[in-house]
Amino acid sequence: MDDFKVVGAITSAAAATGTGSVTIATLTSSAPGILGVLGFTTTTTVALPIAGIVAVTGLITFGVYKGLEIARQQSESQ
């Protein structure tokens, strides 16, 4: 299969996964200023989009596959 078709298929699969996200971490810390003195806190959520995770995983896998293919061709030519 042509490399550009493979990358296109990976991109299409990533786009088809939708706009959801995966929460990686939830961080809680004291609020700034007078609110922190009064004991209030603030929460920050770290999230990654699912489409990005699918795309990166697919591209890394394809890169490893191509690397192994090149290594195999070089070892056969020696």
PDB file of N, CA and C in Angstrom:
ATOM      1  N   MET A   1       0.852  -1.176   0.000  1.00  0.00           N
ATOM      2  CA  MET A   1       0.000   0.000   0.000  1.00  0.00           C
ATOM      3  C   MET A   1       0.894   1.234   0.000  1.00  0.00           C
ATOM      4  N   ASP A   2       0.497   2.237  -0.721  1.00  0.00           N
ATOM      5  CA  ASP A   2       1.250   3.471  -0.815  1.00  0.00           C
ATOM      6  C   ASP A   2       1.296   4.172   0.552  1.00  0.00           C
ATOM      7  N   ASP A   3       2.455   4.734   0.898  1.00  0.00           N
ATOM      8  CA  ASP A   3       2.622   5.381   2.202  1.00  0.00           C
ATOM      9  C   ASP A   3       1.618   6.507   2.421  1.00  0.00           C
ATOM     10  N   PHE A   4       1.355   7.284   1.370  1.00  0.00           N
ATOM     11  CA  PHE A   4       0.418   8.398   1.516  1.00  0.00           C
ATOM     12  C   PHE A   4      -1.002   7.895   1.792  1.00  0.00           C
ATOM     13  N   LYS A   5      -1.361   6.756   1.220  1.00  0.00           N
ATOM     14  CA  LYS A   5      -2.678   6.181   1.482  1.00  0.00           C
ATOM     15  C   LYS A   5      -2.775   5.709   2.928  1.00  0.00           C
ATOM     16  N   VAL A   6      -1.690   5.147   3.449  1.00  0.00           N
ATOM     17  CA  VAL A   6      -1.691   4.680   4.839  1.00  0.00           C
ATOM     18  C   VAL A   6      -1.853   5.859   5.789  1.00  0.00           C
ATOM     19  N   VAL A   7      -1.084   6.926   5.571  1.00  0.00           N
ATOM     20  CA  VAL A   7      -1.182   8.108   6.427  1.00  0.00           C
ATOM     21  C   VAL A   7      -2.573   8.730   6.310  1.00  0.00           C
ATOM     22  N   GLY A   8      -3.122   8.741   5.108  1.00  0.00           N
ATOM     23  CA  GLY A   8      -4.481   9.249   4.921  1.00  0.00           C
ATOM     24  C   GLY A   8      -5.503   8.419   5.675  1.00  0.00           C
ATOM     25  N   ALA A   9      -5.325   7.100   5.678  1.00  0.00           N
ATOM     26  CA  ALA A   9      -6.240   6.222   6.406  1.00  0.00           C
ATOM     27  C   ALA A   9      -6.137   6.454   7.910  1.00  0.00           C
ATOM     28  N   ILE A  10      -4.931   6.658   8.400  1.00  0.00           N
ATOM     29  CA  ILE A  10      -4.739   6.937   9.830  1.00  0.00           C
ATOM     30  C   ILE A  10      -5.415   8.256  10.196  1.00  0.00           C
ATOM     31  N   THR A  11      -5.236   9.266   9.363  1.00  0.00           N
ATOM     32  CA  THR A  11      -5.853  10.571   9.618  1.00  0.00           C
ATOM     33  C   THR A  11      -7.374  10.471   9.589  1.00  0.00           C
ATOM     34  N   SER A  12      -7.896   9.709   8.641  1.00  0.00           N
ATOM     35  CA  SER A  12      -9.349   9.530   8.557  1.00  0.00           C
ATOM     36  C   SER A  12      -9.890   8.805   9.790  1.00  0.00           C
ATOM     37  N   ALA A  13      -9.168   7.796  10.234  1.00  0.00           N
ATOM     38  CA  ALA A  13      -9.595   7.062  11.427  1.00  0.00           C
ATOM     39  C   ALA A  13      -9.589   7.969  12.649  1.00  0.00           C
ATOM     40  N   ALA A  14      -8.583   8.824  12.745  1.00  0.00           N
ATOM     41  CA  ALA A  14      -8.511   9.749  13.878  1.00  0.00           C
ATOM     42  C   ALA A  14      -9.669  10.744  13.828  1.00  0.00           C
ATOM     43  N   ALA A  15      -9.993  11.228  12.640  1.00  0.00           N
ATOM     44  CA  ALA A  15     -11.088  12.189  12.510  1.00  0.00           C
ATOM     45  C   ALA A  15     -12.435  11.534  12.822  1.00  0.00           C
ATOM     46  N   ALA A  16     -12.559  10.252  12.513  1.00  0.00           N
ATOM     47  CA  ALA A  16     -13.821   9.550  12.732  1.00  0.00           C
ATOM     48  C   ALA A  16     -14.076   9.223  14.199  1.00  0.00           C
ATOM     49  N   THR A  17     -13.060   9.319  15.039  1.00  0.00           N
ATOM     50  CA  THR A  17     -13.240   8.965  16.456  1.00  0.00           C
ATOM     51  C   THR A  17     -14.046  10.004  17.214  1.00  0.00           C
ATOM     52  N   GLY A  18     -14.215  11.177  16.662  1.00  0.00           N
ATOM     53  CA  GLY A  18     -15.050  12.183  17.310  1.00  0.00           C
ATOM     54  C   GLY A  18     -14.254  13.198  18.093  1.00  0.00           C
ATOM     55  N   THR A  19     -14.967  13.948  18.908  1.00  0.00           N
ATOM     56  CA  THR A  19     -14.352  15.071  19.618  1.00  0.00           C
ATOM     57  C   THR A  19     -14.228  14.826  21.113  1.00  0.00           C
ATOM     58  N   GLY A  20     -14.296  13.578  21.541  1.00  0.00           N
ATOM     59  CA  GLY A  20     -14.176  13.278  22.965  1.00  0.00           C
ATOM     60  C   GLY A  20     -12.769  13.506  23.478  1.00  0.00           C
ATOM     61  N   SER A  21     -12.610  13.384  24.775  1.00  0.00           N
ATOM     62  CA  SER A  21     -11.289  13.545  25.372  1.00  0.00           C
ATOM     63  C   SER A  21     -11.118  12.568  26.527  1.00  0.00           C
ATOM     64  N   VAL A  22      -9.861  12.347  26.886  1.00  0.00           N
ATOM     65  CA  VAL A  22      -9.513  11.454  27.987  1.00  0.00           C
ATOM     66  C   VAL A  22      -8.846  12.295  29.068  1.00  0.00           C
ATOM     67  N   THR A  23      -9.358  12.230  30.285  1.00  0.00           N
ATOM     68  CA  THR A  23      -8.766  12.984  31.389  1.00  0.00           C
ATOM     69  C   THR A  23      -7.522  12.253  31.884  1.00  0.00           C
ATOM     70  N   ILE A  24      -6.404  12.951  31.856  1.00  0.00           N
ATOM     71  CA  ILE A  24      -5.125  12.383  32.279  1.00  0.00           C
ATOM     72  C   ILE A  24      -4.883  12.648  33.765  1.00  0.00           C
ATOM     73  N   ALA A  25      -5.194  13.855  34.215  1.00  0.00           N
ATOM     74  CA  ALA A  25      -4.944  14.205  35.614  1.00  0.00           C
ATOM     75  C   ALA A  25      -5.918  15.302  36.062  1.00  0.00           C
ATOM     76  N   THR A  26      -6.207  15.316  37.333  1.00  0.00           N
ATOM     77  CA  THR A  26      -6.975  16.394  37.948  1.00  0.00           C
ATOM     78  C   THR A  26      -6.145  16.926  39.106  1.00  0.00           C
ATOM     79  N   LEU A  27      -5.784  18.191  39.024  1.00  0.00           N
ATOM     80  CA  LEU A  27      -4.904  18.799  40.017  1.00  0.00           C
ATOM     81  C   LEU A  27      -5.696  19.795  40.863  1.00  0.00           C
ATOM     82  N   THR A  28      -5.541  19.717  42.162  1.00  0.00           N
ATOM     83  CA  THR A  28      -6.203  20.645  43.071  1.00  0.00           C
ATOM     84  C   THR A  28      -5.147  21.410  43.844  1.00  0.00           C
ATOM     85  N   SER A  29      -5.322  22.729  43.909  1.00  0.00           N
ATOM     86  CA  SER A  29      -4.383  23.555  44.673  1.00  0.00           C
ATOM     87  C   SER A  29      -5.155  24.697  45.325  1.00  0.00           C
ATOM     88  N   SER A  30      -4.511  25.392  46.241  1.00  0.00           N
ATOM     89  CA  SER A  30      -5.194  26.495  46.905  1.00  0.00           C
ATOM     90  C   SER A  30      -5.382  27.645  45.922  1.00  0.00           C
ATOM     91  N   ALA A  31      -6.496  28.338  46.078  1.00  0.00           N
ATOM     92  CA  ALA A  31      -6.806  29.463  45.201  1.00  0.00           C
ATOM     93  C   ALA A  31      -5.830  30.613  45.467  1.00  0.00           C
ATOM     94  N   PRO A  32      -5.595  31.446  44.454  1.00  0.00           N
ATOM     95  CA  PRO A  32      -4.676  32.574  44.660  1.00  0.00           C
ATOM     96  C   PRO A  32      -5.329  33.692  45.495  1.00  0.00           C
ATOM     97  N   GLY A  33      -4.492  34.477  46.123  1.00  0.00           N
ATOM     98  CA  GLY A  33      -4.949  35.675  46.825  1.00  0.00           C
ATOM     99  C   GLY A  33      -5.730  35.394  48.092  1.00  0.00           C
ATOM    100  N   ILE A  34      -6.674  36.292  48.366  1.00  0.00           N
ATOM    101  CA  ILE A  34      -7.444  36.236  49.605  1.00  0.00           C
ATOM    102  C   ILE A  34      -8.304  34.980  49.681  1.00  0.00           C
ATOM    103  N   LEU A  35      -8.734  34.463  48.515  1.00  0.00           N
ATOM    104  CA  LEU A  35      -9.547  33.238  48.525  1.00  0.00           C
ATOM    105  C   LEU A  35      -8.740  32.050  49.042  1.00  0.00           C
ATOM    106  N   GLY A  36      -7.454  32.003  48.711  1.00  0.00           N
ATOM    107  CA  GLY A  36      -6.594  30.945  49.225  1.00  0.00           C
ATOM    108  C   GLY A  36      -6.414  31.038  50.723  1.00  0.00           C
ATOM    109  N   VAL A  37      -6.320  32.266  51.215  1.00  0.00           N
ATOM    110  CA  VAL A  37      -6.190  32.477  52.655  1.00  0.00           C
ATOM    111  C   VAL A  37      -7.456  32.004  53.376  1.00  0.00           C
ATOM    112  N   LEU A  38      -8.584  32.179  52.725  1.00  0.00           N
ATOM    113  CA  LEU A  38      -9.856  31.759  53.318  1.00  0.00           C
ATOM    114  C   LEU A  38     -10.102  30.265  53.179  1.00  0.00           C
ATOM    115  N   GLY A  39      -9.217  29.547  52.450  1.00  0.00           N
ATOM    116  CA  GLY A  39      -9.321  28.100  52.363  1.00  0.00           C
ATOM    117  C   GLY A  39      -9.949  27.567  51.083  1.00  0.00           C
ATOM    118  N   PHE A  40     -10.216  28.453  50.123  1.00  0.00           N
ATOM    119  CA  PHE A  40     -10.786  27.989  48.868  1.00  0.00           C
ATOM    120  C   PHE A  40      -9.714  27.317  48.013  1.00  0.00           C
ATOM    121  N   THR A  41     -10.164  26.397  47.168  1.00  0.00           N
ATOM    122  CA  THR A  41      -9.232  25.700  46.272  1.00  0.00           C
ATOM    123  C   THR A  41      -9.688  25.862  44.828  1.00  0.00           C
ATOM    124  N   THR A  42      -8.802  25.533  43.919  1.00  0.00           N
ATOM    125  CA  THR A  42      -9.109  25.541  42.496  1.00  0.00           C
ATOM    126  C   THR A  42      -8.680  24.206  41.901  1.00  0.00           C
ATOM    127  N   THR A  43      -9.407  23.762  40.905  1.00  0.00           N
ATOM    128  CA  THR A  43      -9.119  22.468  40.285  1.00  0.00           C
ATOM    129  C   THR A  43      -8.806  22.669  38.812  1.00  0.00           C
ATOM    130  N   THR A  44      -7.768  22.010  38.348  1.00  0.00           N
ATOM    131  CA  THR A  44      -7.388  22.047  36.939  1.00  0.00           C
ATOM    132  C   THR A  44      -7.429  20.623  36.398  1.00  0.00           C
ATOM    133  N   THR A  45      -8.032  20.454  35.219  1.00  0.00           N
ATOM    134  CA  THR A  45      -8.116  19.143  34.593  1.00  0.00           C
ATOM    135  C   THR A  45      -7.221  19.119  33.357  1.00  0.00           C
ATOM    136  N   VAL A  46      -6.392  18.087  33.260  1.00  0.00           N
ATOM    137  CA  VAL A  46      -5.528  17.892  32.098  1.00  0.00           C
ATOM    138  C   VAL A  46      -6.158  16.795  31.252  1.00  0.00           C
ATOM    139  N   ALA A  47      -6.526  17.136  29.998  1.00  0.00           N
ATOM    140  CA  ALA A  47      -7.200  16.169  29.137  1.00  0.00           C
ATOM    141  C   ALA A  47      -6.549  16.145  27.759  1.00  0.00           C
ATOM    142  N   LEU A  48      -6.586  14.980  27.122  1.00  0.00           N
ATOM    143  CA  LEU A  48      -6.074  14.820  25.760  1.00  0.00           C
ATOM    144  C   LEU A  48      -7.225  14.421  24.845  1.00  0.00           C
ATOM    145  N   PRO A  49      -7.271  14.991  23.622  1.00  0.00           N
ATOM    146  CA  PRO A  49      -8.331  14.608  22.697  1.00  0.00           C
ATOM    147  C   PRO A  49      -8.125  13.182  22.177  1.00  0.00           C
ATOM    148  N   ILE A  50      -9.213  12.430  22.067  1.00  0.00           N
ATOM    149  CA  ILE A  50      -9.126  11.044  21.604  1.00  0.00           C
ATOM    150  C   ILE A  50      -8.583  10.981  20.181  1.00  0.00           C
ATOM    151  N   ALA A  51      -9.017  11.907  19.324  1.00  0.00           N
ATOM    152  CA  ALA A  51      -8.549  11.911  17.934  1.00  0.00           C
ATOM    153  C   ALA A  51      -7.026  12.066  17.880  1.00  0.00           C
ATOM    154  N   GLY A  52      -6.468  12.873  18.737  1.00  0.00           N
ATOM    155  CA  GLY A  52      -5.012  13.042  18.777  1.00  0.00           C
ATOM    156  C   GLY A  52      -4.300  11.784  19.218  1.00  0.00           C
ATOM    157  N   ILE A  53      -4.878  11.097  20.208  1.00  0.00           N
ATOM    158  CA  ILE A  53      -4.281   9.852  20.688  1.00  0.00           C
ATOM    159  C   ILE A  53      -4.285   8.800  19.583  1.00  0.00           C
ATOM    160  N   VAL A  54      -5.410   8.682  18.869  1.00  0.00           N
ATOM    161  CA  VAL A  54      -5.504   7.714  17.776  1.00  0.00           C
ATOM    162  C   VAL A  54      -4.511   8.046  16.674  1.00  0.00           C
ATOM    163  N   ALA A  55      -4.425   9.317  16.306  1.00  0.00           N
ATOM    164  CA  ALA A  55      -3.520   9.725  15.230  1.00  0.00           C
ATOM    165  C   ALA A  55      -2.063   9.477  15.598  1.00  0.00           C
ATOM    166  N   VAL A  56      -1.653   9.872  16.783  1.00  0.00           N
ATOM    167  CA  VAL A  56      -0.262   9.695  17.204  1.00  0.00           C
ATOM    168  C   VAL A  56       0.091   8.217  17.306  1.00  0.00           C
ATOM    169  N   THR A  57      -0.805   7.419  17.871  1.00  0.00           N
ATOM    170  CA  THR A  57      -0.550   5.985  17.982  1.00  0.00           C
ATOM    171  C   THR A  57      -0.415   5.339  16.611  1.00  0.00           C
ATOM    172  N   GLY A  58      -1.299   5.694  15.695  1.00  0.00           N
ATOM    173  CA  GLY A  58      -1.227   5.149  14.342  1.00  0.00           C
ATOM    174  C   GLY A  58       0.036   5.553  13.620  1.00  0.00           C
ATOM    175  N   LEU A  59       0.421   6.817  13.739  1.00  0.00           N
ATOM    176  CA  LEU A  59       1.627   7.292  13.044  1.00  0.00           C
ATOM    177  C   LEU A  59       2.892   6.691  13.650  1.00  0.00           C
ATOM    178  N   ILE A  60       2.945   6.528  14.954  1.00  0.00           N
ATOM    179  CA  ILE A  60       4.112   5.896  15.581  1.00  0.00           C
ATOM    180  C   ILE A  60       4.220   4.437  15.146  1.00  0.00           C
ATOM    181  N   THR A  61       3.088   3.744  15.131  1.00  0.00           N
ATOM    182  CA  THR A  61       3.093   2.347  14.698  1.00  0.00           C
ATOM    183  C   THR A  61       3.544   2.225  13.257  1.00  0.00           C
ATOM    184  N   PHE A  62       3.057   3.101  12.400  1.00  0.00           N
ATOM    185  CA  PHE A  62       3.461   3.080  10.994  1.00  0.00           C
ATOM    186  C   PHE A  62       4.950   3.388  10.856  1.00  0.00           C
ATOM    187  N   GLY A  63       5.462   4.329  11.653  1.00  0.00           N
ATOM    188  CA  GLY A  63       6.887   4.650  11.624  1.00  0.00           C
ATOM    189  C   GLY A  63       7.753   3.477  12.041  1.00  0.00           C
ATOM    190  N   VAL A  64       7.324   2.760  13.078  1.00  0.00           N
ATOM    191  CA  VAL A  64       8.066   1.571  13.517  1.00  0.00           C
ATOM    192  C   VAL A  64       8.046   0.508  12.424  1.00  0.00           C
ATOM    193  N   TYR A  65       6.883   0.312  11.802  1.00  0.00           N
ATOM    194  CA  TYR A  65       6.768  -0.660  10.712  1.00  0.00           C
ATOM    195  C   TYR A  65       7.714  -0.314   9.568  1.00  0.00           C
ATOM    196  N   LYS A  66       7.739   0.952   9.168  1.00  0.00           N
ATOM    197  CA  LYS A  66       8.618   1.368   8.067  1.00  0.00           C
ATOM    198  C   LYS A  66      10.085   1.206   8.454  1.00  0.00           C
ATOM    199  N   GLY A  67      10.418   1.516   9.705  1.00  0.00           N
ATOM    200  CA  GLY A  67      11.790   1.344  10.168  1.00  0.00           C
ATOM    201  C   GLY A  67      12.223  -0.106  10.128  1.00  0.00           C
ATOM    202  N   LEU A  68      11.350  -0.999  10.572  1.00  0.00           N
ATOM    203  CA  LEU A  68      11.665  -2.429  10.524  1.00  0.00           C
ATOM    204  C   LEU A  68      11.784  -2.924   9.084  1.00  0.00           C
ATOM    205  N   GLU A  69      10.937  -2.401   8.200  1.00  0.00           N
ATOM    206  CA  GLU A  69      10.999  -2.775   6.786  1.00  0.00           C
ATOM    207  C   GLU A  69      12.329  -2.351   6.169  1.00  0.00           C
ATOM    208  N   ILE A  70      12.793  -1.156   6.468  1.00  0.00           N
ATOM    209  CA  ILE A  70      14.074  -0.661   5.947  1.00  0.00           C
ATOM    210  C   ILE A  70      15.225  -1.482   6.521  1.00  0.00           C
ATOM    211  N   ALA A  71      15.165  -1.778   7.821  1.00  0.00           N
ATOM    212  CA  ALA A  71      16.224  -2.573   8.450  1.00  0.00           C
ATOM    213  C   ALA A  71      16.297  -3.965   7.835  1.00  0.00           C
ATOM    214  N   ARG A  72      15.129  -4.563   7.563  1.00  0.00           N
ATOM    215  CA  ARG A  72      15.107  -5.897   6.960  1.00  0.00           C
ATOM    216  C   ARG A  72      15.699  -5.857   5.544  1.00  0.00           C
ATOM    217  N   GLN A  73      15.361  -4.822   4.783  1.00  0.00           N
ATOM    218  CA  GLN A  73      15.896  -4.707   3.425  1.00  0.00           C
ATOM    219  C   GLN A  73      17.416  -4.523   3.449  1.00  0.00           C
ATOM    220  N   GLN A  74      17.916  -3.765   4.405  1.00  0.00           N
ATOM    221  CA  GLN A  74      19.357  -3.540   4.490  1.00  0.00           C
ATOM    222  C   GLN A  74      20.078  -4.812   4.912  1.00  0.00           C
ATOM    223  N   SER A  75      19.481  -5.584   5.801  1.00  0.00           N
ATOM    224  CA  SER A  75      20.142  -6.816   6.245  1.00  0.00           C
ATOM    225  C   SER A  75      20.132  -7.864   5.133  1.00  0.00           C
ATOM    226  N   GLU A  76      19.114  -7.868   4.280  1.00  0.00           N
ATOM    227  CA  GLU A  76      19.060  -8.806   3.174  1.00  0.00           C
ATOM    228  C   GLU A  76      20.035  -8.432   2.069  1.00  0.00           C
ATOM    229  N   SER A  77      20.355  -7.147   1.934  1.00  0.00           N
ATOM    230  CA  SER A  77      21.239  -6.722   0.852  1.00  0.00           C
ATOM    231  C   SER A  77      22.723  -6.909   1.213  1.00  0.00           C
ATOM    232  N   GLN A  78      23.018  -7.204   2.452  1.00  0.00           N
ATOM    233  CA  GLN A  78      24.417  -7.353   2.862  1.00  0.00           C
ATOM    234  C   GLN A  78      24.907  -8.738   2.660  1.00  0.00           C
TER     235      GLN A  78
END
